[in-house]
C-alpha atoms as a PDB file:
ATOM      1  CA  MET A   1       0.000   0.000   0.000  1.00  0.00           C
ATOM      2  CA  LEU A   2       1.434   3.338  -1.078  1.00  0.00           C
ATOM      3  CA  LEU A   3       0.134   5.332   1.900  1.00  0.00           C
ATOM      4  CA  LYS A   4       0.080   2.810   4.721  1.00  0.00           C
ATOM      5  CA  ASP A   5      -0.086   4.538   8.140  1.00  0.00           C
ATOM      6  CA  LYS A   6      -0.198   8.019   6.579  1.00  0.00           C
ATOM      7  CA  ILE A   7      -2.531  10.737   7.887  1.00  0.00           C
ATOM      8  CA  ALA A   8      -4.056  12.848   5.113  1.00  0.00           C
ATOM      9  CA  LEU A   9      -6.297  15.911   5.174  1.00  0.00           C
ATOM     10  CA  VAL A  10      -8.276  16.589   1.998  1.00  0.00           C
ATOM     11  CA  THR A  11     -10.248  19.820   2.093  1.00  0.00           C
ATOM     12  CA  GLY A  12     -13.513  19.977   0.196  1.00  0.00           C
ATOM     13  CA  SER A  13     -13.643  16.194   0.084  1.00  0.00           C
ATOM     14  CA  THR A  14     -17.343  15.328   0.173  1.00  0.00           C
ATOM     15  CA  ASN A  15     -17.855  15.425  -3.594  1.00  0.00           C
ATOM     16  CA  ASN A  16     -16.294  15.347  -7.047  1.00  0.00           C
ATOM     17  CA  ILE A  17     -12.516  15.933  -7.164  1.00  0.00           C
ATOM     18  CA  GLY A  18     -11.906  16.032  -3.421  1.00  0.00           C
ATOM     19  CA  LEU A  19     -13.883  12.844  -2.881  1.00  0.00           C
ATOM     20  CA  GLY A  20     -12.049  11.095  -5.704  1.00  0.00           C
ATOM     21  CA  ILE A  21      -8.740  11.982  -4.065  1.00  0.00           C
ATOM     22  CA  ALA A  22      -9.906  10.909  -0.609  1.00  0.00           C
ATOM     23  CA  ARG A  23     -11.047   7.524  -1.928  1.00  0.00           C
ATOM     24  CA  ALA A  24      -7.734   6.925  -3.700  1.00  0.00           C
ATOM     25  CA  PHE A  25      -5.791   7.726  -0.535  1.00  0.00           C
ATOM     26  CA  ALA A  26      -7.987   5.527   1.659  1.00  0.00           C
ATOM     27  CA  ARG A  27      -7.653   2.627  -0.762  1.00  0.00           C
ATOM     28  CA  GLU A  28      -3.870   2.848  -0.403  1.00  0.00           C
ATOM     29  CA  GLY A  29      -3.933   2.727   3.388  1.00  0.00           C
ATOM     30  CA  ALA A  30      -4.139   6.352   4.505  1.00  0.00           C
ATOM     31  CA  LYS A  31      -6.330   7.556   7.347  1.00  0.00           C
ATOM     32  CA  VAL A  32      -8.162  10.383   5.586  1.00  0.00           C
ATOM     33  CA  ILE A  33      -9.628  13.384   7.381  1.00  0.00           C
ATOM     34  CA  ILE A  34     -12.682  14.414   5.388  1.00  0.00           C
ATOM     35  CA  HIS A  35     -13.364  18.134   5.390  1.00  0.00           C
ATOM     36  CA  SER A  36     -16.438  20.147   4.482  1.00  0.00           C
ATOM     37  CA  ARG A  37     -18.349  23.108   5.817  1.00  0.00           C
ATOM     38  CA  HIS A  38     -21.181  20.657   6.493  1.00  0.00           C
ATOM     39  CA  ALA A  39     -20.539  18.281   9.384  1.00  0.00           C
ATOM     40  CA  GLU A  40     -23.101  15.615   8.441  1.00  0.00           C
ATOM     41  CA  GLU A  41     -21.813  15.252   4.883  1.00  0.00           C
ATOM     42  CA  ALA A  42     -18.216  14.993   6.077  1.00  0.00           C
ATOM     43  CA  ALA A  43     -19.097  12.414   8.733  1.00  0.00           C
ATOM     44  CA  LYS A  44     -20.946  10.265   6.187  1.00  0.00           C
ATOM     45  CA  ILE A  45     -17.940  10.061   3.855  1.00  0.00           C
ATOM     46  CA  ALA A  46     -15.600   9.472   6.792  1.00  0.00           C
ATOM     47  CA  ARG A  47     -17.655   6.447   7.833  1.00  0.00           C
ATOM     48  CA  GLU A  48     -17.509   5.100   4.284  1.00  0.00           C
ATOM     49  CA  LEU A  49     -13.714   5.414   4.182  1.00  0.00           C
ATOM     50  CA  ASN A  50     -13.051   4.493   7.822  1.00  0.00           C
ATOM     51  CA  GLY A  51     -11.550   7.925   8.323  1.00  0.00           C
ATOM     52  CA  ASP A  52     -12.149  11.039  10.375  1.00  0.00           C
ATOM     53  CA  SER A  53     -14.030  14.252   9.635  1.00  0.00           C
ATOM     54  CA  PHE A  54     -14.114  17.895  10.596  1.00  0.00           C
ATOM     55  CA  ALA A  55     -16.347  20.778   9.519  1.00  0.00           C
ATOM     56  CA  ALA A  56     -14.796  24.207   9.020  1.00  0.00           C
ATOM     57  CA  ASP A  57     -14.826  27.260   6.778  1.00  0.00           C
ATOM     58  CA  VAL A  58     -11.230  27.495   5.551  1.00  0.00           C
ATOM     59  CA  GLY A  59     -11.675  31.211   4.939  1.00  0.00           C
ATOM     60  CA  GLN A  60     -12.065  31.781   8.684  1.00  0.00           C
ATOM     61  CA  PRO A  61      -8.704  31.683  10.529  1.00  0.00           C
ATOM     62  CA  GLU A  62     -10.170  30.595  13.859  1.00  0.00           C
ATOM     63  CA  GLN A  63     -11.981  27.658  12.238  1.00  0.00           C
ATOM     64  CA  VAL A  64      -8.812  26.572  10.448  1.00  0.00           C
ATOM     65  CA  GLY A  65      -7.014  26.723  13.787  1.00  0.00           C
ATOM     66  CA  ALA A  66      -9.670  24.496  15.334  1.00  0.00           C
ATOM     67  CA  LEU A  67      -9.300  22.001  12.490  1.00  0.00           C
ATOM     68  CA  PHE A  68      -5.578  21.633  13.084  1.00  0.00           C
ATOM     69  CA  ASP A  69      -6.012  21.513  16.853  1.00  0.00           C
ATOM     70  CA  HIS A  70      -8.270  18.528  16.187  1.00  0.00           C
ATOM     71  CA  ILE A  71      -5.586  16.904  14.030  1.00  0.00           C
ATOM     72  CA  ARG A  72      -2.876  17.404  16.652  1.00  0.00           C
ATOM     73  CA  LYS A  73      -5.079  16.063  19.431  1.00  0.00           C
ATOM     74  CA  ASN A  74      -6.495  13.054  17.603  1.00  0.00           C
ATOM     75  CA  HIS A  75      -3.776  12.072  15.131  1.00  0.00           C
ATOM     76  CA  ARG A  76      -0.597  13.715  16.469  1.00  0.00           C
ATOM     77  CA  LYS A  77       0.855  14.063  12.974  1.00  0.00           C
ATOM     78  CA  LEU A  78      -0.080  14.993   9.409  1.00  0.00           C
ATOM     79  CA  ASP A  79       1.696  13.537   6.391  1.00  0.00           C
ATOM     80  CA  ILE A  80      -0.419  14.844   3.521  1.00  0.00           C
ATOM     81  CA  LEU A  81      -2.509  17.926   2.783  1.00  0.00           C
ATOM     82  CA  VAL A  82      -4.609  18.365  -0.341  1.00  0.00           C
ATOM     83  CA  ASN A  83      -6.331  21.707  -0.823  1.00  0.00           C
ATOM     84  CA  SER A  84      -9.348  20.892  -2.971  1.00  0.00           C
ATOM     85  CA  VAL A  85     -12.008  23.211  -1.571  1.00  0.00           C
ATOM     86  CA  ALA A  86     -13.240  25.850  -4.029  1.00  0.00           C
ATOM     87  CA  ALA A  87     -15.755  28.677  -4.056  1.00  0.00           C
ATOM     88  CA  GLN A  88     -17.470  29.362  -7.368  1.00  0.00           C
ATOM     89  CA  ALA A  89     -17.976  33.081  -7.915  1.00  0.00           C
ATOM     90  CA  SER A  90     -20.649  34.580 -10.141  1.00  0.00           C
ATOM     91  CA  ARG A  91     -19.686  35.468 -13.693  1.00  0.00           C
ATOM     92  CA  ALA A  92     -18.846  39.099 -13.045  1.00  0.00           C
ATOM     93  CA  GLY A  93     -15.992  41.117 -14.475  1.00  0.00           C
ATOM     94  CA  VAL A  94     -13.830  43.776 -12.881  1.00  0.00           C
ATOM     95  CA  LEU A  95     -16.381  46.535 -13.475  1.00  0.00           C
ATOM     96  CA  GLU A  96     -19.348  44.709 -11.974  1.00  0.00           C
ATOM     97  CA  LEU A  97     -17.890  42.483  -9.257  1.00  0.00           C
ATOM     98  CA  PRO A  98     -18.966  43.494  -5.723  1.00  0.00           C
ATOM     99  CA  LEU A  99     -16.110  43.803  -3.247  1.00  0.00           C
ATOM    100  CA  GLU A 100     -17.894  41.442  -0.856  1.00  0.00           C
ATOM    101  CA  GLU A 101     -17.936  38.654  -3.430  1.00  0.00           C
ATOM    102  CA  TRP A 102     -14.293  39.308  -4.318  1.00  0.00           C
ATOM    103  CA  ASN A 103     -13.331  38.988  -0.654  1.00  0.00           C
ATOM    104  CA  GLN A 104     -15.404  35.850  -0.113  1.00  0.00           C
ATOM    105  CA  THR A 105     -13.956  34.092  -3.150  1.00  0.00           C
ATOM    106  CA  LEU A 106     -10.348  34.878  -2.297  1.00  0.00           C
ATOM    107  CA  ALA A 107     -10.919  34.013   1.367  1.00  0.00           C
ATOM    108  CA  THR A 108     -11.807  30.442   0.399  1.00  0.00           C
ATOM    109  CA  ASN A 109      -9.774  29.882  -2.758  1.00  0.00           C
ATOM    110  CA  LEU A 110      -6.538  31.579  -1.760  1.00  0.00           C
ATOM    111  CA  THR A 111      -6.360  32.696   1.879  1.00  0.00           C
ATOM    112  CA  GLY A 112      -7.822  29.350   2.922  1.00  0.00           C
ATOM    113  CA  TYR A 113      -5.073  27.539   1.041  1.00  0.00           C
ATOM    114  CA  PHE A 114      -2.417  29.700   2.695  1.00  0.00           C
ATOM    115  CA  LEU A 115      -3.827  29.087   6.164  1.00  0.00           C
ATOM    116  CA  THR A 116      -4.059  25.317   5.782  1.00  0.00           C
ATOM    117  CA  ILE A 117      -0.559  25.117   4.297  1.00  0.00           C
ATOM    118  CA  GLN A 118       0.871  27.158   7.161  1.00  0.00           C
ATOM    119  CA  HIS A 119      -0.792  25.037   9.842  1.00  0.00           C
ATOM    120  CA  ALA A 120      -0.031  21.746   8.094  1.00  0.00           C
ATOM    121  CA  ALA A 121       3.613  22.622   7.498  1.00  0.00           C
ATOM    122  CA  LYS A 122       4.160  23.325  11.187  1.00  0.00           C
ATOM    123  CA  ILE A 123       2.993  19.803  12.010  1.00  0.00           C
ATOM    124  CA  MET A 124       4.877  18.205   9.116  1.00  0.00           C
ATOM    125  CA  LYS A 125       8.085  19.982  10.102  1.00  0.00           C
ATOM    126  CA  GLU A 126       7.914  18.363  13.531  1.00  0.00           C
ATOM    127  CA  HIS A 127       7.639  14.888  11.992  1.00  0.00           C
ATOM    128  CA  GLY A 128      10.254  14.967   9.255  1.00  0.00           C
ATOM    129  CA  GLY A 129       8.359  16.265   6.248  1.00  0.00           C
ATOM    130  CA  GLY A 130       5.267  15.715   4.166  1.00  0.00           C
ATOM    131  CA  ALA A 131       3.507  16.365   0.873  1.00  0.00           C
ATOM    132  CA  ILE A 132       1.074  19.114  -0.102  1.00  0.00           C
ATOM    133  CA  ILE A 133      -1.059  19.435  -3.231  1.00  0.00           C
ATOM    134  CA  ASN A 134      -3.034  22.500  -4.259  1.00  0.00           C
ATOM    135  CA  ILE A 135      -5.852  22.048  -6.774  1.00  0.00           C
ATOM    136  CA  SER A 136      -6.142  24.870  -9.295  1.00  0.00           C
ATOM    137  CA  ALA A 137      -7.734  25.374 -12.712  1.00  0.00           C
ATOM    138  CA  ALA A 138      -6.849  26.601 -16.171  1.00  0.00           C
ATOM    139  CA  SER A 139      -8.592  29.884 -15.351  1.00  0.00           C
ATOM    140  CA  GLY A 140      -5.541  30.772 -13.310  1.00  0.00           C
ATOM    141  CA  GLU A 141      -3.367  30.662 -16.431  1.00  0.00           C
ATOM    142  CA  ARG A 142      -5.547  32.711 -18.749  1.00  0.00           C
ATOM    143  CA  ALA A 143      -8.167  35.375 -18.240  1.00  0.00           C
ATOM    144  CA  SER A 144     -11.806  34.566 -18.951  1.00  0.00           C
ATOM    145  CA  PRO A 145     -14.472  37.232 -19.553  1.00  0.00           C
ATOM    146  CA  GLY A 146     -16.576  37.786 -16.465  1.00  0.00           C
ATOM    147  CA  ARG A 147     -14.591  35.572 -14.080  1.00  0.00           C
ATOM    148  CA  ALA A 148     -12.559  38.162 -12.203  1.00  0.00           C
ATOM    149  CA  ALA A 149     -12.594  36.752  -8.680  1.00  0.00           C
ATOM    150  CA  TYR A 150     -12.373  33.086  -9.661  1.00  0.00           C
ATOM    151  CA  SER A 151      -9.559  33.521 -12.187  1.00  0.00           C
ATOM    152  CA  VAL A 152      -7.472  35.688  -9.867  1.00  0.00           C
ATOM    153  CA  SER A 153      -7.899  33.219  -7.003  1.00  0.00           C
ATOM    154  CA  LYS A 154      -6.809  30.316  -9.190  1.00  0.00           C
ATOM    155  CA  GLY A 155      -3.825  32.263 -10.494  1.00  0.00           C
ATOM    156  CA  GLY A 156      -2.858  33.000  -6.929  1.00  0.00           C
ATOM    157  CA  ILE A 157      -2.780  29.276  -6.196  1.00  0.00           C
ATOM    158  CA  PHE A 158      -0.013  28.825  -8.762  1.00  0.00           C
ATOM    159  CA  ALA A 159       2.069  31.550  -7.112  1.00  0.00           C
ATOM    160  CA  LEU A 160       1.352  30.223  -3.619  1.00  0.00           C
ATOM    161  CA  THR A 161       2.444  26.739  -4.682  1.00  0.00           C
ATOM    162  CA  LYS A 162       5.759  28.057  -6.011  1.00  0.00           C
ATOM    163  CA  GLN A 163       6.454  30.112  -2.898  1.00  0.00           C
ATOM    164  CA  ALA A 164       5.487  27.357  -0.478  1.00  0.00           C
ATOM    165  CA  ALA A 165       7.588  24.806  -2.364  1.00  0.00           C
ATOM    166  CA  VAL A 166      10.674  26.990  -2.018  1.00  0.00           C
ATOM    167  CA  ASP A 167      10.050  27.936   1.614  1.00  0.00           C
ATOM    168  CA  LEU A 168       9.214  24.420   2.782  1.00  0.00           C
ATOM    169  CA  ALA A 169      11.796  22.394   0.848  1.00  0.00           C
ATOM    170  CA  PRO A 170      14.395  22.670   3.653  1.00  0.00           C
ATOM    171  CA  HIS A 171      11.890  20.907   5.913  1.00  0.00           C
ATOM    172  CA  LYS A 172      11.410  18.023   3.435  1.00  0.00           C
ATOM    173  CA  ILE A 173       7.913  19.184   2.586  1.00  0.00           C
ATOM    174  CA  ARG A 174       7.056  18.853  -1.090  1.00  0.00           C
ATOM    175  CA  VAL A 175       4.441  21.193  -2.596  1.00  0.00           C
ATOM    176  CA  ASN A 176       2.867  20.626  -6.004  1.00  0.00           C
ATOM    177  CA  CYS A 177      -0.173  21.770  -7.948  1.00  0.00           C
ATOM    178  CA  ILE A 178      -2.744  19.836  -9.957  1.00  0.00           C
ATOM    179  CA  VAL A 179      -4.708  21.684 -12.618  1.00  0.00           C
ATOM    180  CA  SER A 180      -8.007  19.890 -13.002  1.00  0.00           C
ATOM    181  CA  GLY A 181     -10.099  20.203 -16.112  1.00  0.00           C
ATOM    182  CA  ILE A 182     -13.836  19.665 -16.446  1.00  0.00           C
ATOM    183  CA  VAL A 183     -14.377  16.712 -14.131  1.00  0.00           C
ATOM    184  CA  GLY A 184     -17.444  14.674 -13.277  1.00  0.00           C
ATOM    185  CA  THR A 185     -19.947  16.847 -15.167  1.00  0.00           C
ATOM    186  CA  PRO A 186     -21.579  14.875 -18.020  1.00  0.00           C
ATOM    187  CA  ILE A 187     -22.155  16.623 -21.332  1.00  0.00           C
ATOM    188  CA  GLY A 188     -25.805  17.524 -21.737  1.00  0.00           C
ATOM    189  CA  SER A 189     -26.455  17.614 -17.999  1.00  0.00           C
ATOM    190  CA  LYS A 190     -28.064  20.597 -16.309  1.00  0.00           C
ATOM    191  CA  GLU A 191     -24.774  21.348 -14.559  1.00  0.00           C
ATOM    192  CA  MET A 192     -22.899  21.456 -17.856  1.00  0.00           C
ATOM    193  CA  GLY A 193     -25.283  24.094 -19.165  1.00  0.00           C
ATOM    194  CA  ASN A 194     -23.723  26.195 -21.894  1.00  0.00           C
ATOM    195  CA  ARG A 195     -20.196  24.855 -21.382  1.00  0.00           C
ATOM    196  CA  LYS A 196     -20.221  22.766 -24.586  1.00  0.00           C
ATOM    197  CA  LEU A 197     -17.637  25.154 -26.044  1.00  0.00           C
ATOM    198  CA  GLU A 198     -15.315  24.190 -23.206  1.00  0.00           C
ATOM    199  CA  TYR A 199     -15.941  20.500 -23.890  1.00  0.00           C
ATOM    200  CA  ASP A 200     -15.065  21.016 -27.544  1.00  0.00           C
ATOM    201  CA  SER A 201     -11.714  22.463 -26.447  1.00  0.00           C
ATOM    202  CA  ILE A 202     -10.628  19.195 -24.761  1.00  0.00           C
ATOM    203  CA  PRO A 203      -8.260  17.303 -27.090  1.00  0.00           C
ATOM    204  CA  LEU A 204      -9.281  13.930 -25.616  1.00  0.00           C
ATOM    205  CA  ARG A 205     -12.941  14.836 -26.239  1.00  0.00           C
ATOM    206  CA  ARG A 206     -14.302  13.577 -22.962  1.00  0.00           C
ATOM    207  CA  ILE A 207     -14.958  14.722 -19.423  1.00  0.00           C
ATOM    208  CA  GLY A 208     -12.505  13.657 -16.737  1.00  0.00           C
ATOM    209  CA  GLN A 209     -13.509  11.530 -13.774  1.00  0.00           C
ATOM    210  CA  PRO A 210     -12.753  12.289 -10.107  1.00  0.00           C
ATOM    211  CA  GLU A 211     -10.917   8.975  -9.872  1.00  0.00           C
ATOM    212  CA  GLU A 212      -8.450  10.131 -12.528  1.00  0.00           C
ATOM    213  CA  VAL A 213      -7.531  13.202 -10.514  1.00  0.00           C
ATOM    214  CA  GLY A 214      -7.320  10.933  -7.474  1.00  0.00           C
ATOM    215  CA  GLU A 215      -4.732   8.715  -9.154  1.00  0.00           C
ATOM    216  CA  ALA A 216      -2.615  11.732 -10.115  1.00  0.00           C
ATOM    217  CA  ALA A 217      -2.760  13.050  -6.558  1.00  0.00           C
ATOM    218  CA  LEU A 218      -1.881   9.615  -5.197  1.00  0.00           C
ATOM    219  CA  PHE A 219       1.271   9.568  -7.298  1.00  0.00           C
ATOM    220  CA  LEU A 220       2.335  13.067  -6.243  1.00  0.00           C
ATOM    221  CA  VAL A 221       2.030  12.400  -2.505  1.00  0.00           C
ATOM    222  CA  SER A 222       3.660   8.964  -2.659  1.00  0.00           C
ATOM    223  CA  GLU A 223       7.338   8.084  -2.467  1.00  0.00           C
ATOM    224  CA  LYS A 224       7.217   7.467  -6.216  1.00  0.00           C
ATOM    225  CA  ALA A 225       7.282  11.263  -6.550  1.00  0.00           C
ATOM    226  CA  SER A 226       9.913  11.846  -3.859  1.00  0.00           C
ATOM    227  CA  TYR A 227      12.013  14.123  -6.098  1.00  0.00           C
ATOM    228  CA  ILE A 228       9.085  16.168  -7.415  1.00  0.00           C
ATOM    229  CA  THR A 229       8.251  19.530  -5.886  1.00  0.00           C
ATOM    230  CA  ASN A 230       7.202  22.934  -7.263  1.00  0.00           C
ATOM    231  CA  ALA A 231       5.564  21.185 -10.220  1.00  0.00           C
ATOM    232  CA  VAL A 232       2.251  21.750 -11.988  1.00  0.00           C
ATOM    233  CA  LEU A 233       0.484  18.661 -13.323  1.00  0.00           C
ATOM    234  CA  ALA A 234      -2.477  19.213 -15.639  1.00  0.00           C
ATOM    235  CA  VAL A 235      -5.138  16.514 -15.419  1.00  0.00           C
ATOM    236  CA  ASP A 236      -7.431  17.988 -18.029  1.00  0.00           C
ATOM    237  CA  GLY A 237      -7.381  15.895 -21.187  1.00  0.00           C
ATOM    238  CA  GLY A 238      -4.773  18.188 -22.711  1.00  0.00           C
ATOM    239  CA  ARG A 239      -6.982  21.261 -22.595  1.00  0.00           C
ATOM    240  CA  MET A 240      -4.804  23.810 -20.794  1.00  0.00           C
ATOM    241  CA  ASN A 241      -1.913  23.499 -23.225  1.00  0.00           C
ATOM    242  CA  SER A 242      -4.010  23.181 -26.363  1.00  0.00           C
ATOM    243  CA  MET A 243      -3.856  26.104 -28.777  1.00  0.00           C
ATOM    244  CA  GLY A 244      -7.574  25.741 -29.371  1.00  0.00           C
ATOM    245  CA  SER A 245      -8.604  25.976 -25.722  1.00  0.00           C
ATOM    246  CA  ALA A 246     -11.680  28.026 -24.949  1.00  0.00           C
ATOM    247  CA  SER A 247     -12.000  30.291 -21.980  1.00  0.00           C
ATOM    248  CA  GLY A 248     -13.137  28.902 -18.645  1.00  0.00           C
ATOM    249  CA  GLY A 249     -12.281  25.926 -16.462  1.00  0.00           C
END
């Protein structure tokens, strides 16, 4: 088992990408701490995976502190952190976006990542190292009309990953980023809506599955990736680096 006896925290892990990652880790022997803002949902998944759960808003510093107090008290160590939680902002551009929505989006998608990394790294440092993954999106690489808060937050994740990788390397903490594409949303579904243009921009011409992101994350946190840090891995069917890519993601 690749992660036998490892303790892993996956934020935003009650559905889609986060859940796919949590299931992959649990299958390989990790004790996974399921996180959500909703306690009942987190507890349900934790029971399924024989893990632990904790409810918190990662954009609130005191709640993040409580989450890591729980980890210290109940698990004593933390080997793996995956930041998968994401807030979806409305499609508003720079001219129209309310400051409140800007602040809320960045609090979850960027400040929340910083806070969890900082807390996790302090624990990992005490126990000889660890592995951190931040989940971002192609929107962080290229601007999309009407996605000011979301795109900026995702771009910030790339920069945060680079900085954290450099700062934490002396403590044997590896930090990498996964860029997920359109995952788990079937074409023609209500959720897909008018995103067919985005689907048409995927070279592999299919939607990704949460399990596929889970396998990529499993590799990055395992010893098989022991010499990989400060890297960005796109799990998006080739979309981000395709010349024909449409906006979004």
